[in-house]
Structure formats: C-alpha cells, structure tokens
PDB file of N, CA and C in Angstrom:
ATOM      1  N   MET A   1       2.339  -5.634  20.481  1.00  0.00           N
ATOM      2  CA  MET A   1       3.382  -5.948  19.526  1.00  0.00           C
ATOM      3  C   MET A   1       3.677  -4.703  18.702  1.00  0.00           C
ATOM      4  N   SER A   2       4.879  -4.195  18.790  1.00  0.00           N
ATOM      5  CA  SER A   2       5.246  -3.009  18.034  1.00  0.00           C
ATOM      6  C   SER A   2       6.209  -3.394  16.918  1.00  0.00           C
ATOM      7  N   LEU A   3       5.912  -2.915  15.734  1.00  0.00           N
ATOM      8  CA  LEU A   3       6.767  -3.184  14.593  1.00  0.00           C
ATOM      9  C   LEU A   3       7.651  -1.970  14.346  1.00  0.00           C
ATOM     10  N   LYS A   4       8.923  -2.219  14.144  1.00  0.00           N
ATOM     11  CA  LYS A   4       9.847  -1.130  13.872  1.00  0.00           C
ATOM     12  C   LYS A   4       9.784  -0.771  12.397  1.00  0.00           C
ATOM     13  N   LYS A   5      10.045   0.490  12.104  1.00  0.00           N
ATOM     14  CA  LYS A   5      10.057   0.924  10.714  1.00  0.00           C
ATOM     15  C   LYS A   5      11.314   0.414  10.024  1.00  0.00           C
ATOM     16  N   ALA A   6      11.175   0.073   8.769  1.00  0.00           N
ATOM     17  CA  ALA A   6      12.319  -0.370   7.988  1.00  0.00           C
ATOM     18  C   ALA A   6      13.166   0.839   7.606  1.00  0.00           C
ATOM     19  N   LEU A   7      14.457   0.616   7.493  1.00  0.00           N
ATOM     20  CA  LEU A   7      15.349   1.695   7.082  1.00  0.00           C
ATOM     21  C   LEU A   7      15.172   1.976   5.599  1.00  0.00           C
ATOM     22  N   LYS A   8      15.312   3.222   5.234  1.00  0.00           N
ATOM     23  CA  LYS A   8      15.231   3.589   3.825  1.00  0.00           C
ATOM     24  C   LYS A   8      16.535   3.210   3.138  1.00  0.00           C
ATOM     25  N   THR A   9      16.462   3.031   1.835  1.00  0.00           N
ATOM     26  CA  THR A   9      17.637   2.587   1.090  1.00  0.00           C
ATOM     27  C   THR A   9      18.767   3.606   1.151  1.00  0.00           C
ATOM     28  N   VAL A  10      18.435   4.882   1.247  1.00  0.00           N
ATOM     29  CA  VAL A  10      19.473   5.912   1.333  1.00  0.00           C
ATOM     30  C   VAL A  10      20.298   5.714   2.605  1.00  0.00           C
ATOM     31  N   ILE A  11      19.625   5.447   3.703  1.00  0.00           N
ATOM     32  CA  ILE A  11      20.318   5.244   4.976  1.00  0.00           C
ATOM     33  C   ILE A  11      21.116   3.945   4.939  1.00  0.00           C
ATOM     34  N   LYS A  12      20.539   2.909   4.326  1.00  0.00           N
ATOM     35  CA  LYS A  12      21.263   1.641   4.213  1.00  0.00           C
ATOM     36  C   LYS A  12      22.524   1.805   3.370  1.00  0.00           C
ATOM     37  N   ARG A  13      22.443   2.612   2.296  1.00  0.00           N
ATOM     38  CA  ARG A  13      23.614   2.879   1.471  1.00  0.00           C
ATOM     39  C   ARG A  13      24.714   3.554   2.279  1.00  0.00           C
ATOM     40  N   GLU A  14      24.320   4.556   3.069  1.00  0.00           N
ATOM     41  CA  GLU A  14      25.295   5.263   3.904  1.00  0.00           C
ATOM     42  C   GLU A  14      25.920   4.329   4.930  1.00  0.00           C
ATOM     43  N   LEU A  15      25.100   3.483   5.540  1.00  0.00           N
ATOM     44  CA  LEU A  15      25.618   2.530   6.514  1.00  0.00           C
ATOM     45  C   LEU A  15      26.569   1.527   5.861  1.00  0.00           C
ATOM     46  N   ALA A  16      26.223   1.072   4.670  1.00  0.00           N
ATOM     47  CA  ALA A  16      27.081   0.118   3.969  1.00  0.00           C
ATOM     48  C   ALA A  16      28.420   0.764   3.607  1.00  0.00           C
ATOM     49  N   SER A  17      28.398   1.998   3.135  1.00  0.00           N
ATOM     50  CA  SER A  17      29.660   2.666   2.810  1.00  0.00           C
ATOM     51  C   SER A  17      30.482   2.927   4.069  1.00  0.00           C
ATOM     52  N   TYR A  18      29.808   3.178   5.190  1.00  0.00           N
ATOM     53  CA  TYR A  18      30.505   3.347   6.458  1.00  0.00           C
ATOM     54  C   TYR A  18      31.192   2.036   6.874  1.00  0.00           C
ATOM     55  N   LEU A  19      30.480   0.922   6.729  1.00  0.00           N
ATOM     56  CA  LEU A  19      31.060  -0.376   7.068  1.00  0.00           C
ATOM     57  C   LEU A  19      32.267  -0.688   6.187  1.00  0.00           C
ATOM     58  N   VAL A  20      32.165  -0.341   4.918  1.00  0.00           N
ATOM     59  CA  VAL A  20      33.260  -0.618   3.984  1.00  0.00           C
ATOM     60  C   VAL A  20      34.478   0.230   4.328  1.00  0.00           C
ATOM     61  N   SER A  21      34.258   1.502   4.635  1.00  0.00           N
ATOM     62  CA  SER A  21      35.399   2.396   4.882  1.00  0.00           C
ATOM     63  C   SER A  21      35.997   2.218   6.275  1.00  0.00           C
ATOM     64  N   GLN A  22      35.182   2.079   7.295  1.00  0.00           N
ATOM     65  CA  GLN A  22      35.689   2.036   8.665  1.00  0.00           C
ATOM     66  C   GLN A  22      36.156   0.651   9.104  1.00  0.00           C
ATOM     67  N   PHE A  23      35.490  -0.379   8.650  1.00  0.00           N
ATOM     68  CA  PHE A  23      35.809  -1.723   9.105  1.00  0.00           C
ATOM     69  C   PHE A  23      36.441  -2.587   8.021  1.00  0.00           C
ATOM     70  N   ALA A  24      36.818  -1.987   6.912  1.00  0.00           N
ATOM     71  CA  ALA A  24      37.457  -2.688   5.800  1.00  0.00           C
ATOM     72  C   ALA A  24      36.656  -3.920   5.386  1.00  0.00           C
ATOM     73  N   MET A  25      35.344  -3.764   5.356  1.00  0.00           N
ATOM     74  CA  MET A  25      34.451  -4.846   4.960  1.00  0.00           C
ATOM     75  C   MET A  25      34.322  -4.859   3.442  1.00  0.00           C
ATOM     76  N   ILE A  26      34.092  -6.006   2.886  1.00  0.00           N
ATOM     77  CA  ILE A  26      33.824  -6.119   1.460  1.00  0.00           C
ATOM     78  C   ILE A  26      32.401  -5.605   1.215  1.00  0.00           C
ATOM     79  N   VAL A  27      32.181  -4.983   0.066  1.00  0.00           N
ATOM     80  CA  VAL A  27      30.868  -4.421  -0.262  1.00  0.00           C
ATOM     81  C   VAL A  27      29.800  -5.513  -0.215  1.00  0.00           C
ATOM     82  N   ARG A  28      30.120  -6.670  -0.733  1.00  0.00           N
ATOM     83  CA  ARG A  28      29.156  -7.771  -0.741  1.00  0.00           C
ATOM     84  C   ARG A  28      28.741  -8.157   0.677  1.00  0.00           C
ATOM     85  N   GLN A  29      29.709  -8.203   1.570  1.00  0.00           N
ATOM     86  CA  GLN A  29      29.424  -8.571   2.952  1.00  0.00           C
ATOM     87  C   GLN A  29      28.618  -7.482   3.665  1.00  0.00           C
ATOM     88  N   ALA A  30      28.959  -6.222   3.424  1.00  0.00           N
ATOM     89  CA  ALA A  30      28.232  -5.112   4.047  1.00  0.00           C
ATOM     90  C   ALA A  30      26.786  -5.081   3.564  1.00  0.00           C
ATOM     91  N   CYS A  31      26.584  -5.306   2.276  1.00  0.00           N
ATOM     92  CA  CYS A  31      25.225  -5.308   1.735  1.00  0.00           C
ATOM     93  C   CYS A  31      24.419  -6.478   2.273  1.00  0.00           C
ATOM     94  N   ARG A  32      25.049  -7.626   2.404  1.00  0.00           N
ATOM     95  CA  ARG A  32      24.350  -8.785   2.937  1.00  0.00           C
ATOM     96  C   ARG A  32      23.966  -8.553   4.397  1.00  0.00           C
ATOM     97  N   THR A  33      24.842  -7.901   5.156  1.00  0.00           N
ATOM     98  CA  THR A  33      24.566  -7.616   6.559  1.00  0.00           C
ATOM     99  C   THR A  33      23.354  -6.718   6.713  1.00  0.00           C
ATOM    100  N   LEU A  34      23.200  -5.761   5.806  1.00  0.00           N
ATOM    101  CA  LEU A  34      22.103  -4.793   5.884  1.00  0.00           C
ATOM    102  C   LEU A  34      20.896  -5.181   5.040  1.00  0.00           C
ATOM    103  N   SER A  35      20.930  -6.355   4.429  1.00  0.00           N
ATOM    104  CA  SER A  35      19.863  -6.812   3.520  1.00  0.00           C
ATOM    105  C   SER A  35      19.622  -5.789   2.413  1.00  0.00           C
ATOM    106  N   LEU A  36      20.711  -5.385   1.786  1.00  0.00           N
ATOM    107  CA  LEU A  36      20.676  -4.394   0.713  1.00  0.00           C
ATOM    108  C   LEU A  36      21.261  -5.015  -0.538  1.00  0.00           C
ATOM    109  N   SER A  37      20.578  -4.850  -1.646  1.00  0.00           N
ATOM    110  CA  SER A  37      21.067  -5.364  -2.916  1.00  0.00           C
ATOM    111  C   SER A  37      22.295  -4.567  -3.347  1.00  0.00           C
ATOM    112  N   ARG A  38      23.276  -5.254  -3.930  1.00  0.00           N
ATOM    113  CA  ARG A  38      24.462  -4.529  -4.409  1.00  0.00           C
ATOM    114  C   ARG A  38      24.113  -3.615  -5.563  1.00  0.00           C
ATOM    115  N   THR A  39      23.114  -3.989  -6.333  1.00  0.00           N
ATOM    116  CA  THR A  39      22.656  -3.120  -7.414  1.00  0.00           C
ATOM    117  C   THR A  39      22.141  -1.805  -6.852  1.00  0.00           C
ATOM    118  N   VAL A  40      21.396  -1.872  -5.780  1.00  0.00           N
ATOM    119  CA  VAL A  40      20.881  -0.665  -5.127  1.00  0.00           C
ATOM    120  C   VAL A  40      22.026   0.135  -4.526  1.00  0.00           C
ATOM    121  N   PHE A  41      23.028  -0.546  -3.996  1.00  0.00           N
ATOM    122  CA  PHE A  41      24.164   0.139  -3.391  1.00  0.00           C
ATOM    123  C   PHE A  41      24.915   0.975  -4.422  1.00  0.00           C
ATOM    124  N   PHE A  42      25.118   0.430  -5.624  1.00  0.00           N
ATOM    125  CA  PHE A  42      25.892   1.120  -6.644  1.00  0.00           C
ATOM    126  C   PHE A  42      25.060   2.037  -7.545  1.00  0.00           C
ATOM    127  N   TYR A  43      23.745   2.047  -7.370  1.00  0.00           N
ATOM    128  CA  TYR A  43      22.863   2.856  -8.222  1.00  0.00           C
ATOM    129  C   TYR A  43      23.111   4.344  -8.011  1.00  0.00           C
ATOM    130  N   GLN A  44      23.176   5.089  -9.121  1.00  0.00           N
ATOM    131  CA  GLN A  44      23.286   6.543  -9.074  1.00  0.00           C
ATOM    132  C   GLN A  44      22.205   7.109  -9.992  1.00  0.00           C
ATOM    133  N   SER A  45      21.340   7.926  -9.416  1.00  0.00           N
ATOM    134  CA  SER A  45      20.243   8.468 -10.209  1.00  0.00           C
ATOM    135  C   SER A  45      20.762   9.547 -11.154  1.00  0.00           C
ATOM    136  N   ASP A  46      20.073   9.700 -12.257  1.00  0.00           N
ATOM    137  CA  ASP A  46      20.433  10.707 -13.256  1.00  0.00           C
ATOM    138  C   ASP A  46      19.420  11.841 -13.160  1.00  0.00           C
ATOM    139  N   THR A  47      19.740  12.868 -12.395  1.00  0.00           N
ATOM    140  CA  THR A  47      18.815  13.983 -12.187  1.00  0.00           C
ATOM    141  C   THR A  47      18.821  14.966 -13.353  1.00  0.00           C
ATOM    142  N   ARG A  48      19.755  14.817 -14.269  1.00  0.00           N
ATOM    143  CA  ARG A  48      19.797  15.747 -15.406  1.00  0.00           C
ATOM    144  C   ARG A  48      18.581  15.592 -16.316  1.00  0.00           C
ATOM    145  N   ARG A  49      17.951  14.408 -16.309  1.00  0.00           N
ATOM    146  CA  ARG A  49      16.773  14.198 -17.149  1.00  0.00           C
ATOM    147  C   ARG A  49      15.612  15.061 -16.704  1.00  0.00           C
ATOM    148  N   ASP A  50      15.546  15.386 -15.424  1.00  0.00           N
ATOM    149  CA  ASP A  50      14.417  16.113 -14.871  1.00  0.00           C
ATOM    150  C   ASP A  50      14.546  17.627 -14.994  1.00  0.00           C
ATOM    151  N   GLU A  51      15.703  18.133 -15.374  1.00  0.00           N
ATOM    152  CA  GLU A  51      15.917  19.580 -15.418  1.00  0.00           C
ATOM    153  C   GLU A  51      14.933  20.317 -16.325  1.00  0.00           C
ATOM    154  N   PRO A  52      14.664  19.849 -17.553  1.00  0.00           N
ATOM    155  CA  PRO A  52      13.698  20.579 -18.398  1.00  0.00           C
ATOM    156  C   PRO A  52      12.290  20.619 -17.796  1.00  0.00           C
ATOM    157  N   VAL A  53      11.878  19.533 -17.168  1.00  0.00           N
ATOM    158  CA  VAL A  53      10.550  19.471 -16.561  1.00  0.00           C
ATOM    159  C   VAL A  53      10.466  20.424 -15.375  1.00  0.00           C
ATOM    160  N   ILE A  54      11.496  20.420 -14.539  1.00  0.00           N
ATOM    161  CA  ILE A  54      11.510  21.317 -13.378  1.00  0.00           C
ATOM    162  C   ILE A  54      11.541  22.771 -13.831  1.00  0.00           C
ATOM    163  N   GLN A  55      12.300  23.067 -14.874  1.00  0.00           N
ATOM    164  CA  GLN A  55      12.371  24.434 -15.395  1.00  0.00           C
ATOM    165  C   GLN A  55      10.999  24.879 -15.914  1.00  0.00           C
ATOM    166  N   ALA A  56      10.307  24.013 -16.660  1.00  0.00           N
ATOM    167  CA  ALA A  56       8.990  24.360 -17.190  1.00  0.00           C
ATOM    168  C   ALA A  56       7.979  24.560 -16.055  1.00  0.00           C
ATOM    169  N   LEU A  57       8.034  23.701 -15.036  1.00  0.00           N
ATOM    170  CA  LEU A  57       7.122  23.849 -13.902  1.00  0.00           C
ATOM    171  C   LEU A  57       7.400  25.123 -13.118  1.00  0.00           C
ATOM    172  N   THR A  58       8.666  25.476 -12.963  1.00  0.00           N
ATOM    173  CA  THR A  58       9.018  26.707 -12.257  1.00  0.00           C
ATOM    174  C   THR A  58       8.521  27.934 -13.008  1.00  0.00           C
ATOM    175  N   GLU A  59       8.679  27.920 -14.334  1.00  0.00           N
ATOM    176  CA  GLU A  59       8.192  29.041 -15.143  1.00  0.00           C
ATOM    177  C   GLU A  59       6.670  29.149 -15.070  1.00  0.00           C
ATOM    178  N   ALA A  60       5.987  28.017 -15.117  1.00  0.00           N
ATOM    179  CA  ALA A  60       4.527  28.033 -15.037  1.00  0.00           C
ATOM    180  C   ALA A  60       4.067  28.508 -13.660  1.00  0.00           C
ATOM    181  N   ALA A  61       4.803  28.138 -12.609  1.00  0.00           N
ATOM    182  CA  ALA A  61       4.450  28.577 -11.259  1.00  0.00           C
ATOM    183  C   ALA A  61       4.650  30.080 -11.102  1.00  0.00           C
ATOM    184  N   GLU A  62       5.667  30.628 -11.775  1.00  0.00           N
ATOM    185  CA  GLU A  62       5.880  32.079 -11.745  1.00  0.00           C
ATOM    186  C   GLU A  62       4.792  32.797 -12.541  1.00  0.00           C
ATOM    187  N   ARG A  63       4.379  32.208 -13.637  1.00  0.00           N
ATOM    188  CA  ARG A  63       3.351  32.815 -14.493  1.00  0.00           C
ATOM    189  C   ARG A  63       1.978  32.746 -13.831  1.00  0.00           C
ATOM    190  N   TYR A  64       1.691  31.641 -13.159  1.00  0.00           N
ATOM    191  CA  TYR A  64       0.404  31.440 -12.492  1.00  0.00           C
ATOM    192  C   TYR A  64       0.626  31.206 -10.992  1.00  0.00           C
ATOM    193  N   PRO A  65       0.931  32.249 -10.239  1.00  0.00           N
ATOM    194  CA  PRO A  65       1.246  32.062  -8.819  1.00  0.00           C
ATOM    195  C   PRO A  65       0.071  31.530  -8.005  1.00  0.00           C
ATOM    196  N   ARG A  66      -1.124  31.693  -8.525  1.00  0.00           N
ATOM    197  CA  ARG A  66      -2.303  31.213  -7.799  1.00  0.00           C
ATOM    198  C   ARG A  66      -2.298  29.693  -7.651  1.00  0.00           C
ATOM    199  N   TYR A  67      -1.795  28.997  -8.674  1.00  0.00           N
ATOM    200  CA  TYR A  67      -1.776  27.539  -8.646  1.00  0.00           C
ATOM    201  C   TYR A  67      -0.621  27.005  -7.801  1.00  0.00           C
ATOM    202  N   GLY A  68       0.537  27.605  -7.942  1.00  0.00           N
ATOM    203  CA  GLY A  68       1.703  27.140  -7.194  1.00  0.00           C
ATOM    204  C   GLY A  68       2.349  25.916  -7.832  1.00  0.00           C
ATOM    205  N   PHE A  69       3.536  25.622  -7.383  1.00  0.00           N
ATOM    206  CA  PHE A  69       4.327  24.535  -7.962  1.00  0.00           C
ATOM    207  C   PHE A  69       3.690  23.173  -7.727  1.00  0.00           C
ATOM    208  N   LYS A  70       3.187  22.930  -6.508  1.00  0.00           N
ATOM    209  CA  LYS A  70       2.631  21.620  -6.184  1.00  0.00           C
ATOM    210  C   LYS A  70       1.404  21.283  -7.034  1.00  0.00           C
ATOM    211  N   LYS A  71       0.537  22.266  -7.222  1.00  0.00           N
ATOM    212  CA  LYS A  71      -0.673  22.016  -7.996  1.00  0.00           C
ATOM    213  C   LYS A  71      -0.329  21.800  -9.471  1.00  0.00           C
ATOM    214  N   LEU A  72       0.649  22.540  -9.988  1.00  0.00           N
ATOM    215  CA  LEU A  72       1.059  22.361 -11.383  1.00  0.00           C
ATOM    216  C   LEU A  72       1.791  21.038 -11.585  1.00  0.00           C
ATOM    217  N   PHE A  73       2.450  20.559 -10.569  1.00  0.00           N
ATOM    218  CA  PHE A  73       3.188  19.299 -10.672  1.00  0.00           C
ATOM    219  C   PHE A  73       2.241  18.139 -10.919  1.00  0.00           C
ATOM    220  N   ARG A  74       1.067  18.185 -10.328  1.00  0.00           N
ATOM    221  CA  ARG A  74       0.094  17.108 -10.528  1.00  0.00           C
ATOM    222  C   ARG A  74      -0.422  17.134 -11.939  1.00  0.00           C
TER     223      ARG A  74
END
C-alpha cells in the first residue's frame, strides 16, 4: 500500500488560481475541488516584519563567519 504525498498549500493555491482563470470557475468551487480553505487561498504573508531580524542575522554572520547564518538563526 503506497500513500501519495499531499500537495503543499502553495501548489494548491496556484492550481486554484489556474482553475479560476482558465476555466472561469468560481473561487469557492475551485477551493472546494482542491480541498483548500478560501482563507488560505486569499492569505498573503507579510515579509516586511522579518526584515530587521534577517538584517541583524546577516550582520552577525558577517561578523562571526565561523558560526554562519544557520547556526546564528537557531
């Protein structure tokens, strides 16, 4: 018995927008077809909040190259 991997929400969003644009489907119907919440479909992340943190981590990684960005992120 092999289980298929579930699609990620990013891919489901793209598929839903494709269904809406190409097949003139209603957003509600496209989301229901893909088992995607309409809230998730319309969600837009705010990446501007993370800019100060990323800037501080980048500066620390430049100052301490031995640690690197990944180690400082933890």
